[in-house]
Each structure stands twice: as C-alpha cells, then as structure tokens.
Amino acid sequence: MELLLIIYILVFIIFTLMLYAVMQIKLLGIKVRDFWDFIEANEMLDKLYKFAMQYQKMSPQEQIIYLSEAEKIFTAFDKVPKELWDEEYEKYKQVLRKYNDIKMLRWASN
C-alpha cells in the first residue's frame, strides 16, 4: 500500500513538473512544437559543426545533405528567442559560414 502511494506521488510530481515546463515555454511565447524542433536542431547543430570542421571538400551529394540539414537548423533556431541559444552561437556561426561557402561554390559552378 505504501509503495503504491509513493508511486502515485511520484507520478503526480512528474506530471506537475511537465505541466510547469510547458507553461513556462508558452509564457515565453514559444509553441511547444517549435521548442521541441529547437532541441532536435540543437543536436543536429553539433553534428553539422563537427562535420564542417572535419571536411574541407565535400562531394556534391554531401553538399546537398549538408545544405538541407543546415536549412532545417536555421528554421528551428529562428523560431525561438536568441537568449536560448547564445551559448551555441559560435557553432551556429561556423555552420552558417560553411553553408554560405557551399552555396557560393555551387552557384559559381552553375
């Protein structure tokens, strides 16, 4: 009986914390889906940052994949306030720089 009561209390606390987090996100004026996209984009930003630092020359296929993934990141980051991603700014800037380099390279080759 005591174990069941503890489980109910823990479930209630977890539910309350999730509700509080959603409320805080909405108070910032952000949609929950946009915030979730931002979290996923933040993970992809780390991967693209490492990729941009390792590879100087990419094949045309890799360039297309890089450009499409970078555009998804830029869209997700544009939907949330900059204060949330200030610490990721250098990575964002490096990915953007590589994105612009690839776009210019592809534009020049056409």
C-alpha atoms as a PDB file:
ATOM      1  CA  MET A   1       0.000   0.000   0.000  1.00  0.00           C
ATOM      2  CA  GLU A   2       2.790   2.409   0.895  1.00  0.00           C
ATOM      3  CA  LEU A   3       4.617   1.602  -2.320  1.00  0.00           C
ATOM      4  CA  LEU A   4       1.508   2.381  -4.355  1.00  0.00           C
ATOM      5  CA  LEU A   5       1.127   5.723  -2.566  1.00  0.00           C
ATOM      6  CA  ILE A   6       4.754   6.618  -3.293  1.00  0.00           C
ATOM      7  CA  ILE A   7       4.288   5.739  -6.968  1.00  0.00           C
ATOM      8  CA  TYR A   8       1.181   7.952  -7.178  1.00  0.00           C
ATOM      9  CA  ILE A   9       3.025  10.834  -5.546  1.00  0.00           C
ATOM     10  CA  LEU A  10       5.992  10.479  -7.919  1.00  0.00           C
ATOM     11  CA  VAL A  11       3.711  10.345 -10.975  1.00  0.00           C
ATOM     12  CA  PHE A  12       1.899  13.443  -9.738  1.00  0.00           C
ATOM     13  CA  ILE A  13       5.197  15.302  -9.218  1.00  0.00           C
ATOM     14  CA  ILE A  14       6.445  14.347 -12.683  1.00  0.00           C
ATOM     15  CA  PHE A  15       3.166  15.401 -14.280  1.00  0.00           C
ATOM     16  CA  THR A  16       3.235  18.704 -12.385  1.00  0.00           C
ATOM     17  CA  LEU A  17       6.819  19.417 -13.472  1.00  0.00           C
ATOM     18  CA  MET A  18       5.976  18.693 -17.111  1.00  0.00           C
ATOM     19  CA  LEU A  19       2.948  20.962 -16.910  1.00  0.00           C
ATOM     20  CA  TYR A  20       5.085  23.700 -15.352  1.00  0.00           C
ATOM     21  CA  ALA A  21       7.693  23.381 -18.116  1.00  0.00           C
ATOM     22  CA  VAL A  22       5.032  23.629 -20.831  1.00  0.00           C
ATOM     23  CA  MET A  23       3.543  26.665 -19.097  1.00  0.00           C
ATOM     24  CA  GLN A  24       6.953  28.374 -18.979  1.00  0.00           C
ATOM     25  CA  ILE A  25       7.537  27.689 -22.672  1.00  0.00           C
ATOM     26  CA  LYS A  26       4.145  29.149 -23.552  1.00  0.00           C
ATOM     27  CA  LEU A  27       4.772  32.204 -21.356  1.00  0.00           C
ATOM     28  CA  LEU A  28       7.875  32.909 -23.434  1.00  0.00           C
ATOM     29  CA  GLY A  29       5.627  32.994 -26.489  1.00  0.00           C
ATOM     30  CA  ILE A  30       7.017  29.828 -27.999  1.00  0.00           C
ATOM     31  CA  LYS A  31       4.958  26.948 -29.289  1.00  0.00           C
ATOM     32  CA  VAL A  32       5.835  23.642 -27.673  1.00  0.00           C
ATOM     33  CA  ARG A  33       6.380  22.053 -31.090  1.00  0.00           C
ATOM     34  CA  ASP A  34       8.791  24.847 -32.061  1.00  0.00           C
ATOM     35  CA  PHE A  35      10.691  24.337 -28.823  1.00  0.00           C
ATOM     36  CA  TRP A  36      10.920  20.595 -29.474  1.00  0.00           C
ATOM     37  CA  ASP A  37      12.183  21.307 -33.021  1.00  0.00           C
ATOM     38  CA  PHE A  38      14.788  23.610 -31.472  1.00  0.00           C
ATOM     39  CA  ILE A  39      16.005  20.834 -29.176  1.00  0.00           C
ATOM     40  CA  GLU A  40      16.315  18.421 -32.106  1.00  0.00           C
ATOM     41  CA  ALA A  41      18.006  21.105 -34.223  1.00  0.00           C
ATOM     42  CA  ASN A  42      20.462  21.748 -31.418  1.00  0.00           C
ATOM     43  CA  GLU A  43      21.537  18.107 -31.545  1.00  0.00           C
ATOM     44  CA  MET A  44      21.890  18.291 -35.336  1.00  0.00           C
ATOM     45  CA  LEU A  45      23.883  21.531 -34.984  1.00  0.00           C
ATOM     46  CA  ASP A  46      26.527  19.658 -33.007  1.00  0.00           C
ATOM     47  CA  LYS A  47      26.775  17.008 -35.713  1.00  0.00           C
ATOM     48  CA  LEU A  48      26.972  19.544 -38.550  1.00  0.00           C
ATOM     49  CA  TYR A  49      29.537  21.575 -36.629  1.00  0.00           C
ATOM     50  CA  LYS A  50      31.803  18.533 -36.293  1.00  0.00           C
ATOM     51  CA  PHE A  51      31.221  17.706 -39.958  1.00  0.00           C
ATOM     52  CA  ALA A  52      32.054  21.260 -41.041  1.00  0.00           C
ATOM     53  CA  MET A  53      35.260  21.220 -39.029  1.00  0.00           C
ATOM     54  CA  GLN A  54      36.431  17.832 -40.352  1.00  0.00           C
ATOM     55  CA  TYR A  55      35.668  18.028 -44.052  1.00  0.00           C
ATOM     56  CA  GLN A  56      37.046  20.784 -46.247  1.00  0.00           C
ATOM     57  CA  LYS A  57      35.855  19.289 -49.530  1.00  0.00           C
ATOM     58  CA  MET A  58      32.549  17.528 -49.839  1.00  0.00           C
ATOM     59  CA  SER A  59      31.083  15.544 -52.661  1.00  0.00           C
ATOM     60  CA  PRO A  60      28.017  17.057 -54.375  1.00  0.00           C
ATOM     61  CA  GLN A  61      25.804  14.545 -52.537  1.00  0.00           C
ATOM     62  CA  GLU A  62      27.290  15.514 -49.160  1.00  0.00           C
ATOM     63  CA  GLN A  63      26.841  19.185 -50.016  1.00  0.00           C
ATOM     64  CA  ILE A  64      23.144  18.714 -50.739  1.00  0.00           C
ATOM     65  CA  ILE A  65      22.616  16.817 -47.487  1.00  0.00           C
ATOM     66  CA  TYR A  66      24.561  19.438 -45.543  1.00  0.00           C
ATOM     67  CA  LEU A  67      22.560  22.293 -47.099  1.00  0.00           C
ATOM     68  CA  SER A  68      19.187  20.687 -46.381  1.00  0.00           C
ATOM     69  CA  GLU A  69      20.064  19.838 -42.776  1.00  0.00           C
ATOM     70  CA  ALA A  70      21.506  23.305 -42.188  1.00  0.00           C
ATOM     71  CA  GLU A  71      18.324  24.925 -43.514  1.00  0.00           C
ATOM     72  CA  LYS A  72      16.265  22.874 -41.055  1.00  0.00           C
ATOM     73  CA  ILE A  73      18.501  24.085 -38.228  1.00  0.00           C
ATOM     74  CA  PHE A  74      18.249  27.715 -39.288  1.00  0.00           C
ATOM     75  CA  THR A  75      14.447  27.477 -39.440  1.00  0.00           C
ATOM     76  CA  ALA A  76      14.214  25.910 -35.977  1.00  0.00           C
ATOM     77  CA  PHE A  77      16.614  28.425 -34.429  1.00  0.00           C
ATOM     78  CA  ASP A  78      14.697  31.346 -35.952  1.00  0.00           C
ATOM     79  CA  LYS A  79      11.542  30.301 -34.114  1.00  0.00           C
ATOM     80  CA  VAL A  80      12.993  30.659 -30.598  1.00  0.00           C
ATOM     81  CA  PRO A  81      14.468  33.713 -28.847  1.00  0.00           C
ATOM     82  CA  LYS A  82      18.209  34.204 -29.221  1.00  0.00           C
ATOM     83  CA  GLU A  83      18.653  34.129 -25.455  1.00  0.00           C
ATOM     84  CA  LEU A  84      18.007  30.384 -25.524  1.00  0.00           C
ATOM     85  CA  TRP A  85      20.888  29.655 -27.876  1.00  0.00           C
ATOM     86  CA  ASP A  86      23.533  32.258 -27.040  1.00  0.00           C
ATOM     87  CA  GLU A  87      25.964  29.565 -25.924  1.00  0.00           C
ATOM     88  CA  GLU A  88      25.589  27.759 -29.257  1.00  0.00           C
ATOM     89  CA  TYR A  89      26.214  30.902 -31.318  1.00  0.00           C
ATOM     90  CA  GLU A  90      29.783  30.013 -32.341  1.00  0.00           C
ATOM     91  CA  LYS A  91      28.699  26.610 -33.645  1.00  0.00           C
ATOM     92  CA  TYR A  92      25.748  28.216 -35.425  1.00  0.00           C
ATOM     93  CA  LYS A  93      28.067  30.792 -36.988  1.00  0.00           C
ATOM     94  CA  GLN A  94      30.519  28.121 -38.179  1.00  0.00           C
ATOM     95  CA  VAL A  95      27.721  26.023 -39.714  1.00  0.00           C
ATOM     96  CA  LEU A  96      26.326  29.153 -41.381  1.00  0.00           C
ATOM     97  CA  ARG A  97      29.771  30.032 -42.740  1.00  0.00           C
ATOM     98  CA  LYS A  98      30.192  26.554 -44.241  1.00  0.00           C
ATOM     99  CA  TYR A  99      26.619  26.750 -45.590  1.00  0.00           C
ATOM    100  CA  ASN A 100      27.413  30.039 -47.330  1.00  0.00           C
ATOM    101  CA  ASP A 101      30.670  28.656 -48.713  1.00  0.00           C
ATOM    102  CA  ILE A 102      28.899  25.652 -50.223  1.00  0.00           C
ATOM    103  CA  LYS A 103      26.126  27.844 -51.653  1.00  0.00           C
ATOM    104  CA  MET A 104      28.694  30.141 -53.275  1.00  0.00           C
ATOM    105  CA  LEU A 105      30.674  27.187 -54.622  1.00  0.00           C
ATOM    106  CA  ARG A 106      27.554  25.625 -56.109  1.00  0.00           C
ATOM    107  CA  TRP A 107      26.421  28.968 -57.507  1.00  0.00           C
ATOM    108  CA  ALA A 108      29.834  29.562 -59.132  1.00  0.00           C
ATOM    109  CA  SER A 109      29.884  26.102 -60.681  1.00  0.00           C
ATOM    110  CA  ASN A 110      26.468  26.669 -62.294  1.00  0.00           C
END
